[in-house]
C-alpha atoms as a PDB file:
ATOM      1  CA  MET A   1       9.232  35.776 -21.981  1.00  0.00           C
ATOM      2  CA  THR A   2       8.462  32.127 -23.280  1.00  0.00           C
ATOM      3  CA  ASN A   3      10.416  29.628 -22.286  1.00  0.00           C
ATOM      4  CA  SER A   4      12.091  27.095 -24.976  1.00  0.00           C
ATOM      5  CA  TYR A   5      10.928  23.774 -25.224  1.00  0.00           C
ATOM      6  CA  LYS A   6      14.103  22.289 -23.774  1.00  0.00           C
ATOM      7  CA  GLU A   7      13.640  24.417 -20.664  1.00  0.00           C
ATOM      8  CA  LEU A   8      10.224  23.404 -20.279  1.00  0.00           C
ATOM      9  CA  LEU A   9      11.442  19.843 -20.433  1.00  0.00           C
ATOM     10  CA  LYS A  10      13.835  20.408 -17.951  1.00  0.00           C
ATOM     11  CA  GLN A  11      11.473  21.996 -15.714  1.00  0.00           C
ATOM     12  CA  ARG A  12       9.181  19.185 -15.944  1.00  0.00           C
ATOM     13  CA  GLU A  13      11.683  16.409 -15.248  1.00  0.00           C
ATOM     14  CA  ALA A  14      12.607  18.528 -12.075  1.00  0.00           C
ATOM     15  CA  LEU A  15       9.041  18.872 -11.013  1.00  0.00           C
ATOM     16  CA  GLU A  16       8.510  15.195 -11.493  1.00  0.00           C
ATOM     17  CA  GLN A  17      11.693  14.496  -9.415  1.00  0.00           C
ATOM     18  CA  ALA A  18      10.102  16.475  -6.699  1.00  0.00           C
ATOM     19  CA  ILE A  19       6.818  15.031  -6.877  1.00  0.00           C
ATOM     20  CA  ALA A  20       8.081  11.332  -6.787  1.00  0.00           C
ATOM     21  CA  SER A  21      10.364  12.493  -3.762  1.00  0.00           C
ATOM     22  CA  ALA A  22       7.333  14.096  -1.972  1.00  0.00           C
ATOM     23  CA  ARG A  23       5.013  10.989  -2.761  1.00  0.00           C
ATOM     24  CA  GLN A  24       7.946   8.586  -1.110  1.00  0.00           C
ATOM     25  CA  GLN A  25       7.999  10.978   1.671  1.00  0.00           C
ATOM     26  CA  GLU A  26       4.304  10.730   2.338  1.00  0.00           C
ATOM     27  CA  LEU A  27       3.692   7.091   1.701  1.00  0.00           C
ATOM     28  CA  SER A  28       6.594   6.295   4.397  1.00  0.00           C
ATOM     29  CA  GLU A  29       4.928   8.537   6.706  1.00  0.00           C
ATOM     30  CA  GLY A  30       1.587   7.012   6.285  1.00  0.00           C
ATOM     31  CA  VAL A  31       2.793   3.575   6.477  1.00  0.00           C
ATOM     32  CA  ARG A  32       4.377   4.432   9.521  1.00  0.00           C
ATOM     33  CA  LYS A  33       1.288   5.877  10.971  1.00  0.00           C
ATOM     34  CA  ALA A  34      -0.849   2.706   9.955  1.00  0.00           C
ATOM     35  CA  ARG A  35       1.874   0.454  11.896  1.00  0.00           C
ATOM     36  CA  GLU A  36       1.461   2.463  14.809  1.00  0.00           C
ATOM     37  CA  LEU A  37      -2.118   2.357  15.030  1.00  0.00           C
ATOM     38  CA  VAL A  38      -2.130  -1.631  14.327  1.00  0.00           C
ATOM     39  CA  ALA A  39       0.333  -1.662  17.192  1.00  0.00           C
ATOM     40  CA  GLU A  40      -1.729   0.489  19.340  1.00  0.00           C
ATOM     41  CA  PHE A  41      -5.286  -0.782  19.055  1.00  0.00           C
ATOM     42  CA  GLY A  42      -4.220  -4.399  18.191  1.00  0.00           C
ATOM     43  CA  LEU A  43      -5.842  -4.134  15.024  1.00  0.00           C
ATOM     44  CA  THR A  44      -6.064  -7.375  12.659  1.00  0.00           C
ATOM     45  CA  VAL A  45      -6.199  -7.634   8.733  1.00  0.00           C
ATOM     46  CA  GLN A  46      -9.882  -8.263   9.212  1.00  0.00           C
ATOM     47  CA  ASP A  47     -10.225  -4.707  11.175  1.00  0.00           C
ATOM     48  CA  ILE A  48      -8.616  -3.177   8.182  1.00  0.00           C
ATOM     49  CA  PHE A  49      -9.912  -5.278   5.367  1.00  0.00           C
ATOM     50  CA  PRO A  50     -13.185  -6.615   6.109  1.00  0.00           C
ATOM     51  CA  SER A  51     -14.242  -9.574   3.910  1.00  0.00           C
ATOM     52  CA  GLY A  52     -17.796  -8.457   3.538  1.00  0.00           C
ATOM     53  CA  ARG A  53     -19.332  -8.110  -0.055  1.00  0.00           C
ATOM     54  CA  GLY A  54     -20.457  -4.644  -1.265  1.00  0.00           C
ATOM     55  CA  THR A  55     -19.969  -1.399   0.279  1.00  0.00           C
ATOM     56  CA  SER A  56     -20.003  -0.558   3.865  1.00  0.00           C
ATOM     57  CA  LYS A  57     -23.095   1.748   5.189  1.00  0.00           C
ATOM     58  CA  SER A  58     -20.770   4.452   5.354  1.00  0.00           C
ATOM     59  CA  SER A  59     -19.223   4.289   2.085  1.00  0.00           C
ATOM     60  CA  GLY A  60     -21.204   6.991   0.199  1.00  0.00           C
ATOM     61  CA  ASN A  61     -20.445   7.141  -3.242  1.00  0.00           C
ATOM     62  CA  GLN A  62     -16.968   5.436  -2.688  1.00  0.00           C
ATOM     63  CA  GLN A  63     -16.315   2.864  -5.462  1.00  0.00           C
ATOM     64  CA  VAL A  64     -15.451  -0.557  -4.467  1.00  0.00           C
ATOM     65  CA  VAL A  65     -12.187  -1.955  -5.985  1.00  0.00           C
ATOM     66  CA  LYS A  66     -11.834  -5.492  -5.910  1.00  0.00           C
ATOM     67  CA  LEU A  67      -7.982  -6.518  -6.333  1.00  0.00           C
ATOM     68  CA  PRO A  68      -6.970 -10.064  -7.027  1.00  0.00           C
ATOM     69  CA  LEU A  69      -6.159 -12.065  -3.610  1.00  0.00           C
ATOM     70  CA  ASN A  70      -2.442 -12.223  -4.346  1.00  0.00           C
ATOM     71  CA  THR A  71      -2.286  -8.503  -4.999  1.00  0.00           C
ATOM     72  CA  VAL A  72      -3.909  -7.933  -1.693  1.00  0.00           C
ATOM     73  CA  ILE A  73      -1.563 -10.401   0.340  1.00  0.00           C
ATOM     74  CA  GLN A  74       1.618  -8.395  -1.169  1.00  0.00           C
ATOM     75  CA  GLN A  75       0.292  -5.173  -0.160  1.00  0.00           C
ATOM     76  CA  GLN A  76      -0.461  -6.544   3.280  1.00  0.00           C
ATOM     77  CA  VAL A  77       2.795  -8.339   3.668  1.00  0.00           C
ATOM     78  CA  LYS A  78       4.693  -5.190   2.716  1.00  0.00           C
ATOM     79  CA  LEU A  79       2.671  -2.914   5.216  1.00  0.00           C
ATOM     80  CA  GLY A  80       3.869  -5.814   7.478  1.00  0.00           C
ATOM     81  CA  LEU A  81      -0.101  -6.455   8.175  1.00  0.00           C
ATOM     82  CA  ALA A  82      -0.027 -10.243   7.507  1.00  0.00           C
ATOM     83  CA  ALA A  83       2.235 -13.036   6.901  1.00  0.00           C
ATOM     84  CA  VAL A  84       2.072 -15.431   4.143  1.00  0.00           C
ATOM     85  CA  ARG A  85       2.240 -19.338   4.802  1.00  0.00           C
ATOM     86  CA  ARG A  86       4.262 -21.192   2.152  1.00  0.00           C
ATOM     87  CA  LEU A  87       5.384 -24.660   2.107  1.00  0.00           C
ATOM     88  CA  ASN A  88       9.105 -25.423   2.255  1.00  0.00           C
ATOM     89  CA  GLY A  89       9.804 -28.088  -0.730  1.00  0.00           C
ATOM     90  CA  LEU A  90      12.683 -29.222   0.966  1.00  0.00           C
ATOM     91  CA  THR A  91      11.537 -29.925   4.491  1.00  0.00           C
ATOM     92  CA  GLY A  92       7.897 -30.205   3.975  1.00  0.00           C
ATOM     93  CA  LYS A  93       7.415 -27.920   6.803  1.00  0.00           C
ATOM     94  CA  THR A  94       5.161 -24.609   6.631  1.00  0.00           C
ATOM     95  CA  VAL A  95       6.806 -21.577   7.020  1.00  0.00           C
ATOM     96  CA  LEU A  96       5.835 -17.920   7.467  1.00  0.00           C
ATOM     97  CA  SER A  97       7.066 -15.012   5.533  1.00  0.00           C
ATOM     98  CA  PHE A  98       6.561 -11.630   6.488  1.00  0.00           C
END
């Protein structure tokens, strides 16, 4: 029996929603585990994201993706791994944002 076009579109929509939900749950769990390990071992941003150029000795065939610095900082702040120092224009004091 063949499904109609509209039935297939409905199935696709349901599958896309299930995929998005599963991704969000697994992402949350991954972030929780990462934060747990950072706290347990006292890891720093440098430990997790070393600034060395090129690939590490154990990287094998992994591709190195270089992101713009502001993207990296934004991701680290979202994960709670870094604070961003900014200047308060009104007071002239440096403020940390997490």
